[in-house]
Amino acid sequence: MNLPEGKVIITASHNGAFVTKCLNPNVPEQTAEIAQAALDCSNPGAAILHIHARDENCHPTGTKAQFEELKNVIRHK
């Protein structure tokens, strides 16, 4: 594979679907924590953010509403 010289795409995945604070206290679970982690990754240059949404009880969720909320919070930070 030939990549353009000097070009790098950085992908950040800062929370997993099933990893919780019980397993790692640094894992972002709440919307504000996930949004801050996304910013912390994008400011130094991450081009892609791989995000797992959580509901109000910190359980993994794939609802459109939760992802919309995350998107809005990230874009307005």
PDB file of N, CA and C in Angstrom:
ATOM      1  N   MET A   1       0.843  -1.169   0.000  1.00  0.00           N
ATOM      2  CA  MET A   1       0.000   0.000   0.000  1.00  0.00           C
ATOM      3  C   MET A   1       0.894   1.239   0.000  1.00  0.00           C
ATOM      4  N   ASN A   2       0.629   2.132  -0.888  1.00  0.00           N
ATOM      5  CA  ASN A   2       1.384   3.374  -0.966  1.00  0.00           C
ATOM      6  C   ASN A   2       0.541   4.519  -0.416  1.00  0.00           C
ATOM      7  N   LEU A   3       0.986   5.068   0.689  1.00  0.00           N
ATOM      8  CA  LEU A   3       0.314   6.215   1.275  1.00  0.00           C
ATOM      9  C   LEU A   3       1.037   7.481   0.859  1.00  0.00           C
ATOM     10  N   PRO A   4       0.302   8.584   0.733  1.00  0.00           N
ATOM     11  CA  PRO A   4       0.971   9.840   0.415  1.00  0.00           C
ATOM     12  C   PRO A   4       2.016  10.170   1.471  1.00  0.00           C
ATOM     13  N   GLU A   5       3.170  10.574   1.037  1.00  0.00           N
ATOM     14  CA  GLU A   5       4.249  10.885   1.960  1.00  0.00           C
ATOM     15  C   GLU A   5       3.870  12.069   2.852  1.00  0.00           C
ATOM     16  N   GLY A   6       4.121  11.925   4.138  1.00  0.00           N
ATOM     17  CA  GLY A   6       3.852  12.996   5.085  1.00  0.00           C
ATOM     18  C   GLY A   6       2.397  13.106   5.512  1.00  0.00           C
ATOM     19  N   LYS A   7       1.539  12.209   5.047  1.00  0.00           N
ATOM     20  CA  LYS A   7       0.122  12.248   5.412  1.00  0.00           C
ATOM     21  C   LYS A   7      -0.202  11.072   6.328  1.00  0.00           C
ATOM     22  N   VAL A   8      -0.897  11.356   7.405  1.00  0.00           N
ATOM     23  CA  VAL A   8      -1.281  10.323   8.359  1.00  0.00           C
ATOM     24  C   VAL A   8      -2.727  10.579   8.777  1.00  0.00           C
ATOM     25  N   ILE A   9      -3.514   9.520   8.857  1.00  0.00           N
ATOM     26  CA  ILE A   9      -4.867   9.627   9.398  1.00  0.00           C
ATOM     27  C   ILE A   9      -4.855   8.958  10.765  1.00  0.00           C
ATOM     28  N   ILE A  10      -5.239   9.700  11.771  1.00  0.00           N
ATOM     29  CA  ILE A  10      -5.260   9.188  13.137  1.00  0.00           C
ATOM     30  C   ILE A  10      -6.707   8.903  13.524  1.00  0.00           C
ATOM     31  N   THR A  11      -6.964   7.673  13.947  1.00  0.00           N
ATOM     32  CA  THR A  11      -8.282   7.281  14.436  1.00  0.00           C
ATOM     33  C   THR A  11      -8.191   7.089  15.942  1.00  0.00           C
ATOM     34  N   ALA A  12      -9.120   7.690  16.661  1.00  0.00           N
ATOM     35  CA  ALA A  12      -9.138   7.569  18.120  1.00  0.00           C
ATOM     36  C   ALA A  12     -10.392   6.829  18.557  1.00  0.00           C
ATOM     37  N   SER A  13     -10.202   5.822  19.377  1.00  0.00           N
ATOM     38  CA  SER A  13     -11.313   5.091  19.980  1.00  0.00           C
ATOM     39  C   SER A  13     -11.093   5.142  21.487  1.00  0.00           C
ATOM     40  N   HIS A  14     -11.825   6.003  22.155  1.00  0.00           N
ATOM     41  CA  HIS A  14     -11.542   6.265  23.562  1.00  0.00           C
ATOM     42  C   HIS A  14     -12.487   5.584  24.545  1.00  0.00           C
ATOM     43  N   ASN A  15     -13.491   4.894  24.045  1.00  0.00           N
ATOM     44  CA  ASN A  15     -14.315   4.076  24.946  1.00  0.00           C
ATOM     45  C   ASN A  15     -14.829   2.875  24.169  1.00  0.00           C
ATOM     46  N   GLY A  16     -14.930   1.763  24.833  1.00  0.00           N
ATOM     47  CA  GLY A  16     -15.394   0.551  24.182  1.00  0.00           C
ATOM     48  C   GLY A  16     -16.862   0.310  24.460  1.00  0.00           C
ATOM     49  N   ALA A  17     -17.398  -0.672  23.780  1.00  0.00           N
ATOM     50  CA  ALA A  17     -18.819  -0.969  23.952  1.00  0.00           C
ATOM     51  C   ALA A  17     -19.123  -1.545  25.335  1.00  0.00           C
ATOM     52  N   PHE A  18     -18.173  -2.271  25.906  1.00  0.00           N
ATOM     53  CA  PHE A  18     -18.467  -2.961  27.168  1.00  0.00           C
ATOM     54  C   PHE A  18     -17.510  -2.642  28.306  1.00  0.00           C
ATOM     55  N   VAL A  19     -16.492  -1.857  28.051  1.00  0.00           N
ATOM     56  CA  VAL A  19     -15.565  -1.468  29.114  1.00  0.00           C
ATOM     57  C   VAL A  19     -16.227  -0.372  29.942  1.00  0.00           C
ATOM     58  N   THR A  20     -16.210  -0.545  31.249  1.00  0.00           N
ATOM     59  CA  THR A  20     -16.833   0.415  32.156  1.00  0.00           C
ATOM     60  C   THR A  20     -15.802   0.970  33.130  1.00  0.00           C
ATOM     61  N   LYS A  21     -16.217   1.929  33.913  1.00  0.00           N
ATOM     62  CA  LYS A  21     -15.326   2.503  34.923  1.00  0.00           C
ATOM     63  C   LYS A  21     -14.908   1.470  35.966  1.00  0.00           C
ATOM     64  N   CYS A  22     -15.702   0.423  36.129  1.00  0.00           N
ATOM     65  CA  CYS A  22     -15.324  -0.653  37.058  1.00  0.00           C
ATOM     66  C   CYS A  22     -14.051  -1.351  36.564  1.00  0.00           C
ATOM     67  N   LEU A  23     -13.908  -1.460  35.262  1.00  0.00           N
ATOM     68  CA  LEU A  23     -12.727  -2.097  34.677  1.00  0.00           C
ATOM     69  C   LEU A  23     -11.582  -1.107  34.490  1.00  0.00           C
ATOM     70  N   ASN A  24     -11.927   0.135  34.166  1.00  0.00           N
ATOM     71  CA  ASN A  24     -10.920   1.171  33.950  1.00  0.00           C
ATOM     72  C   ASN A  24     -11.545   2.511  34.330  1.00  0.00           C
ATOM     73  N   PRO A  25     -11.116   3.107  35.419  1.00  0.00           N
ATOM     74  CA  PRO A  25     -11.734   4.350  35.890  1.00  0.00           C
ATOM     75  C   PRO A  25     -11.568   5.531  34.935  1.00  0.00           C
ATOM     76  N   ASN A  26     -10.729   5.385  33.914  1.00  0.00           N
ATOM     77  CA  ASN A  26     -10.505   6.475  32.971  1.00  0.00           C
ATOM     78  C   ASN A  26     -11.420   6.433  31.753  1.00  0.00           C
ATOM     79  N   VAL A  27     -12.259   5.424  31.649  1.00  0.00           N
ATOM     80  CA  VAL A  27     -13.146   5.285  30.490  1.00  0.00           C
ATOM     81  C   VAL A  27     -14.276   6.313  30.577  1.00  0.00           C
ATOM     82  N   PRO A  28     -14.449   7.128  29.534  1.00  0.00           N
ATOM     83  CA  PRO A  28     -15.569   8.081  29.556  1.00  0.00           C
ATOM     84  C   PRO A  28     -16.895   7.356  29.340  1.00  0.00           C
ATOM     85  N   GLU A  29     -17.879   7.645  30.193  1.00  0.00           N
ATOM     86  CA  GLU A  29     -19.187   6.987  30.095  1.00  0.00           C
ATOM     87  C   GLU A  29     -20.324   7.977  29.865  1.00  0.00           C
ATOM     88  N   GLN A  30     -20.305   9.081  30.561  1.00  0.00           N
ATOM     89  CA  GLN A  30     -21.371  10.074  30.425  1.00  0.00           C
ATOM     90  C   GLN A  30     -21.140  10.914  29.166  1.00  0.00           C
ATOM     91  N   THR A  31     -22.202  11.494  28.643  1.00  0.00           N
ATOM     92  CA  THR A  31     -22.124  12.268  27.402  1.00  0.00           C
ATOM     93  C   THR A  31     -21.050  13.347  27.475  1.00  0.00           C
ATOM     94  N   ALA A  32     -21.000  14.087  28.564  1.00  0.00           N
ATOM     95  CA  ALA A  32     -20.005  15.169  28.686  1.00  0.00           C
ATOM     96  C   ALA A  32     -18.584  14.608  28.706  1.00  0.00           C
ATOM     97  N   GLU A  33     -18.384  13.466  29.361  1.00  0.00           N
ATOM     98  CA  GLU A  33     -17.059  12.840  29.399  1.00  0.00           C
ATOM     99  C   GLU A  33     -16.645  12.344  28.012  1.00  0.00           C
ATOM    100  N   ILE A  34     -17.585  11.729  27.297  1.00  0.00           N
ATOM    101  CA  ILE A  34     -17.296  11.222  25.959  1.00  0.00           C
ATOM    102  C   ILE A  34     -16.967  12.386  25.026  1.00  0.00           C
ATOM    103  N   ALA A  35     -17.738  13.467  25.123  1.00  0.00           N
ATOM    104  CA  ALA A  35     -17.493  14.643  24.281  1.00  0.00           C
ATOM    105  C   ALA A  35     -16.129  15.256  24.587  1.00  0.00           C
ATOM    106  N   GLN A  36     -15.771  15.353  25.855  1.00  0.00           N
ATOM    107  CA  GLN A  36     -14.465  15.914  26.220  1.00  0.00           C
ATOM    108  C   GLN A  36     -13.334  15.030  25.709  1.00  0.00           C
ATOM    109  N   ALA A  37     -13.490  13.710  25.828  1.00  0.00           N
ATOM    110  CA  ALA A  37     -12.475  12.789  25.312  1.00  0.00           C
ATOM    111  C   ALA A  37     -12.337  12.931  23.800  1.00  0.00           C
ATOM    112  N   ALA A  38     -13.459  13.125  23.113  1.00  0.00           N
ATOM    113  CA  ALA A  38     -13.427  13.332  21.660  1.00  0.00           C
ATOM    114  C   ALA A  38     -12.633  14.590  21.322  1.00  0.00           C
ATOM    115  N   LEU A  39     -12.875  15.658  22.055  1.00  0.00           N
ATOM    116  CA  LEU A  39     -12.118  16.894  21.840  1.00  0.00           C
ATOM    117  C   LEU A  39     -10.643  16.719  22.174  1.00  0.00           C
ATOM    118  N   ASP A  40     -10.374  16.018  23.252  1.00  0.00           N
ATOM    119  CA  ASP A  40      -8.987  15.788  23.651  1.00  0.00           C
ATOM    120  C   ASP A  40      -8.227  15.005  22.582  1.00  0.00           C
ATOM    121  N   CYS A  41      -8.932  14.182  21.821  1.00  0.00           N
ATOM    122  CA  CYS A  41      -8.300  13.417  20.736  1.00  0.00           C
ATOM    123  C   CYS A  41      -8.217  14.231  19.449  1.00  0.00           C
ATOM    124  N   SER A  42      -9.244  15.016  19.178  1.00  0.00           N
ATOM    125  CA  SER A  42      -9.274  15.739  17.906  1.00  0.00           C
ATOM    126  C   SER A  42      -8.367  16.968  17.903  1.00  0.00           C
ATOM    127  N   ASN A  43      -8.226  17.631  19.034  1.00  0.00           N
ATOM    128  CA  ASN A  43      -7.377  18.827  19.067  1.00  0.00           C
ATOM    129  C   ASN A  43      -5.940  18.557  18.643  1.00  0.00           C
ATOM    130  N   PRO A  44      -5.322  17.450  19.060  1.00  0.00           N
ATOM    131  CA  PRO A  44      -3.962  17.180  18.591  1.00  0.00           C
ATOM    132  C   PRO A  44      -3.897  16.575  17.181  1.00  0.00           C
ATOM    133  N   GLY A  45      -5.056  16.256  16.588  1.00  0.00           N
ATOM    134  CA  GLY A  45      -5.007  15.827  15.207  1.00  0.00           C
ATOM    135  C   GLY A  45      -5.785  14.594  14.811  1.00  0.00           C
ATOM    136  N   ALA A  46      -6.526  13.968  15.712  1.00  0.00           N
ATOM    137  CA  ALA A  46      -7.309  12.797  15.305  1.00  0.00           C
ATOM    138  C   ALA A  46      -8.349  13.234  14.277  1.00  0.00           C
ATOM    139  N   ALA A  47      -8.417  12.509  13.169  1.00  0.00           N
ATOM    140  CA  ALA A  47      -9.347  12.839  12.091  1.00  0.00           C
ATOM    141  C   ALA A  47     -10.642  12.042  12.195  1.00  0.00           C
ATOM    142  N   ILE A  48     -10.596  10.908  12.871  1.00  0.00           N
ATOM    143  CA  ILE A  48     -11.751  10.028  12.995  1.00  0.00           C
ATOM    144  C   ILE A  48     -11.931   9.682  14.468  1.00  0.00           C
ATOM    145  N   LEU A  49     -13.155   9.805  14.956  1.00  0.00           N
ATOM    146  CA  LEU A  49     -13.466   9.445  16.336  1.00  0.00           C
ATOM    147  C   LEU A  49     -14.431   8.272  16.328  1.00  0.00           C
ATOM    148  N   HIS A  50     -14.021   7.169  16.915  1.00  0.00           N
ATOM    149  CA  HIS A  50     -14.856   5.968  17.024  1.00  0.00           C
ATOM    150  C   HIS A  50     -15.483   6.003  18.409  1.00  0.00           C
ATOM    151  N   ILE A  51     -16.791   6.229  18.450  1.00  0.00           N
ATOM    152  CA  ILE A  51     -17.464   6.473  19.725  1.00  0.00           C
ATOM    153  C   ILE A  51     -18.537   5.423  19.986  1.00  0.00           C
ATOM    154  N   HIS A  52     -18.602   4.953  21.224  1.00  0.00           N
ATOM    155  CA  HIS A  52     -19.685   4.093  21.684  1.00  0.00           C
ATOM    156  C   HIS A  52     -20.549   4.921  22.627  1.00  0.00           C
ATOM    157  N   ALA A  53     -21.825   5.037  22.315  1.00  0.00           N
ATOM    158  CA  ALA A  53     -22.737   5.820  23.150  1.00  0.00           C
ATOM    159  C   ALA A  53     -23.172   5.011  24.361  1.00  0.00           C
ATOM    160  N   ARG A  54     -23.518   5.721  25.418  1.00  0.00           N
ATOM    161  CA  ARG A  54     -24.019   5.105  26.650  1.00  0.00           C
ATOM    162  C   ARG A  54     -25.323   5.804  27.026  1.00  0.00           C
ATOM    163  N   ASP A  55     -26.211   5.063  27.680  1.00  0.00           N
ATOM    164  CA  ASP A  55     -27.439   5.678  28.157  1.00  0.00           C
ATOM    165  C   ASP A  55     -27.177   6.325  29.525  1.00  0.00           C
ATOM    166  N   GLU A  56     -28.235   6.827  30.152  1.00  0.00           N
ATOM    167  CA  GLU A  56     -28.070   7.535  31.439  1.00  0.00           C
ATOM    168  C   GLU A  56     -27.567   6.628  32.553  1.00  0.00           C
ATOM    169  N   ASN A  57     -27.665   5.301  32.368  1.00  0.00           N
ATOM    170  CA  ASN A  57     -27.148   4.348  33.353  1.00  0.00           C
ATOM    171  C   ASN A  57     -25.800   3.767  32.948  1.00  0.00           C
ATOM    172  N   CYS A  58     -25.180   4.377  31.942  1.00  0.00           N
ATOM    173  CA  CYS A  58     -23.856   3.989  31.441  1.00  0.00           C
ATOM    174  C   CYS A  58     -23.857   2.647  30.715  1.00  0.00           C
ATOM    175  N   HIS A  59     -25.027   2.190  30.273  1.00  0.00           N
ATOM    176  CA  HIS A  59     -25.101   0.964  29.486  1.00  0.00           C
ATOM    177  C   HIS A  59     -24.935   1.302  28.006  1.00  0.00           C
ATOM    178  N   PRO A  60     -24.260   0.442  27.238  1.00  0.00           N
ATOM    179  CA  PRO A  60     -24.104   0.693  25.803  1.00  0.00           C
ATOM    180  C   PRO A  60     -25.469   0.842  25.124  1.00  0.00           C
ATOM    181  N   THR A  61     -25.552   1.792  24.206  1.00  0.00           N
ATOM    182  CA  THR A  61     -26.787   2.017  23.461  1.00  0.00           C
ATOM    183  C   THR A  61     -26.455   2.433  22.038  1.00  0.00           C
ATOM    184  N   GLY A  62     -27.333   2.124  21.148  1.00  0.00           N
ATOM    185  CA  GLY A  62     -27.143   2.517  19.757  1.00  0.00           C
ATOM    186  C   GLY A  62     -28.280   3.383  19.263  1.00  0.00           C
ATOM    187  N   THR A  63     -28.991   4.015  20.195  1.00  0.00           N
ATOM    188  CA  THR A  63     -30.138   4.819  19.784  1.00  0.00           C
ATOM    189  C   THR A  63     -29.711   6.062  19.029  1.00  0.00           C
ATOM    190  N   LYS A  64     -30.516   6.403  18.047  1.00  0.00           N
ATOM    191  CA  LYS A  64     -30.251   7.607  17.260  1.00  0.00           C
ATOM    192  C   LYS A  64     -30.229   8.844  18.160  1.00  0.00           C
ATOM    193  N   ALA A  65     -31.145   8.889  19.120  1.00  0.00           N
ATOM    194  CA  ALA A  65     -31.238  10.048  20.018  1.00  0.00           C
ATOM    195  C   ALA A  65     -29.947  10.252  20.804  1.00  0.00           C
ATOM    196  N   GLN A  66     -29.365   9.177  21.302  1.00  0.00           N
ATOM    197  CA  GLN A  66     -28.132   9.307  22.093  1.00  0.00           C
ATOM    198  C   GLN A  66     -26.966   9.768  21.215  1.00  0.00           C
ATOM    199  N   PHE A  67     -26.881   9.233  20.002  1.00  0.00           N
ATOM    200  CA  PHE A  67     -25.803   9.665  19.107  1.00  0.00           C
ATOM    201  C   PHE A  67     -25.999  11.108  18.650  1.00  0.00           C
ATOM    202  N   GLU A  68     -27.251  11.516  18.449  1.00  0.00           N
ATOM    203  CA  GLU A  68     -27.532  12.917  18.107  1.00  0.00           C
ATOM    204  C   GLU A  68     -27.085  13.837  19.236  1.00  0.00           C
ATOM    205  N   GLU A  69     -27.388  13.438  20.478  1.00  0.00           N
ATOM    206  CA  GLU A  69     -26.973  14.241  21.631  1.00  0.00           C
ATOM    207  C   GLU A  69     -25.453  14.337  21.699  1.00  0.00           C
ATOM    208  N   LEU A  70     -24.774  13.206  21.518  1.00  0.00           N
ATOM    209  CA  LEU A  70     -23.308  13.216  21.534  1.00  0.00           C
ATOM    210  C   LEU A  70     -22.758  14.128  20.442  1.00  0.00           C
ATOM    211  N   LYS A  71     -23.288  13.996  19.245  1.00  0.00           N
ATOM    212  CA  LYS A  71     -22.831  14.818  18.127  1.00  0.00           C
ATOM    213  C   LYS A  71     -23.003  16.302  18.441  1.00  0.00           C
ATOM    214  N   ASN A  72     -24.171  16.665  18.979  1.00  0.00           N
ATOM    215  CA  ASN A  72     -24.422  18.068  19.296  1.00  0.00           C
ATOM    216  C   ASN A  72     -23.501  18.592  20.383  1.00  0.00           C
ATOM    217  N   VAL A  73     -23.261  17.801  21.411  1.00  0.00           N
ATOM    218  CA  VAL A  73     -22.375  18.239  22.493  1.00  0.00           C
ATOM    219  C   VAL A  73     -20.938  18.379  21.970  1.00  0.00           C
ATOM    220  N   ILE A  74     -20.481  17.425  21.179  1.00  0.00           N
ATOM    221  CA  ILE A  74     -19.118  17.492  20.628  1.00  0.00           C
ATOM    222  C   ILE A  74     -18.959  18.710  19.728  1.00  0.00           C
ATOM    223  N   ARG A  75     -19.908  18.954  18.873  1.00  0.00           N
ATOM    224  CA  ARG A  75     -19.799  20.079  17.925  1.00  0.00           C
ATOM    225  C   ARG A  75     -19.883  21.427  18.597  1.00  0.00           C
ATOM    226  N   HIS A  76     -20.487  21.513  19.782  1.00  0.00           N
ATOM    227  CA  HIS A  76     -20.625  22.802  20.459  1.00  0.00           C
ATOM    228  C   HIS A  76     -19.604  23.020  21.564  1.00  0.00           C
ATOM    229  N   LYS A  77     -18.654  22.123  21.705  1.00  0.00           N
ATOM    230  CA  LYS A  77     -17.603  22.291  22.719  1.00  0.00           C
ATOM    231  C   LYS A  77     -16.525  23.175  22.164  1.00  0.00           C
TER     232      LYS A  77
END
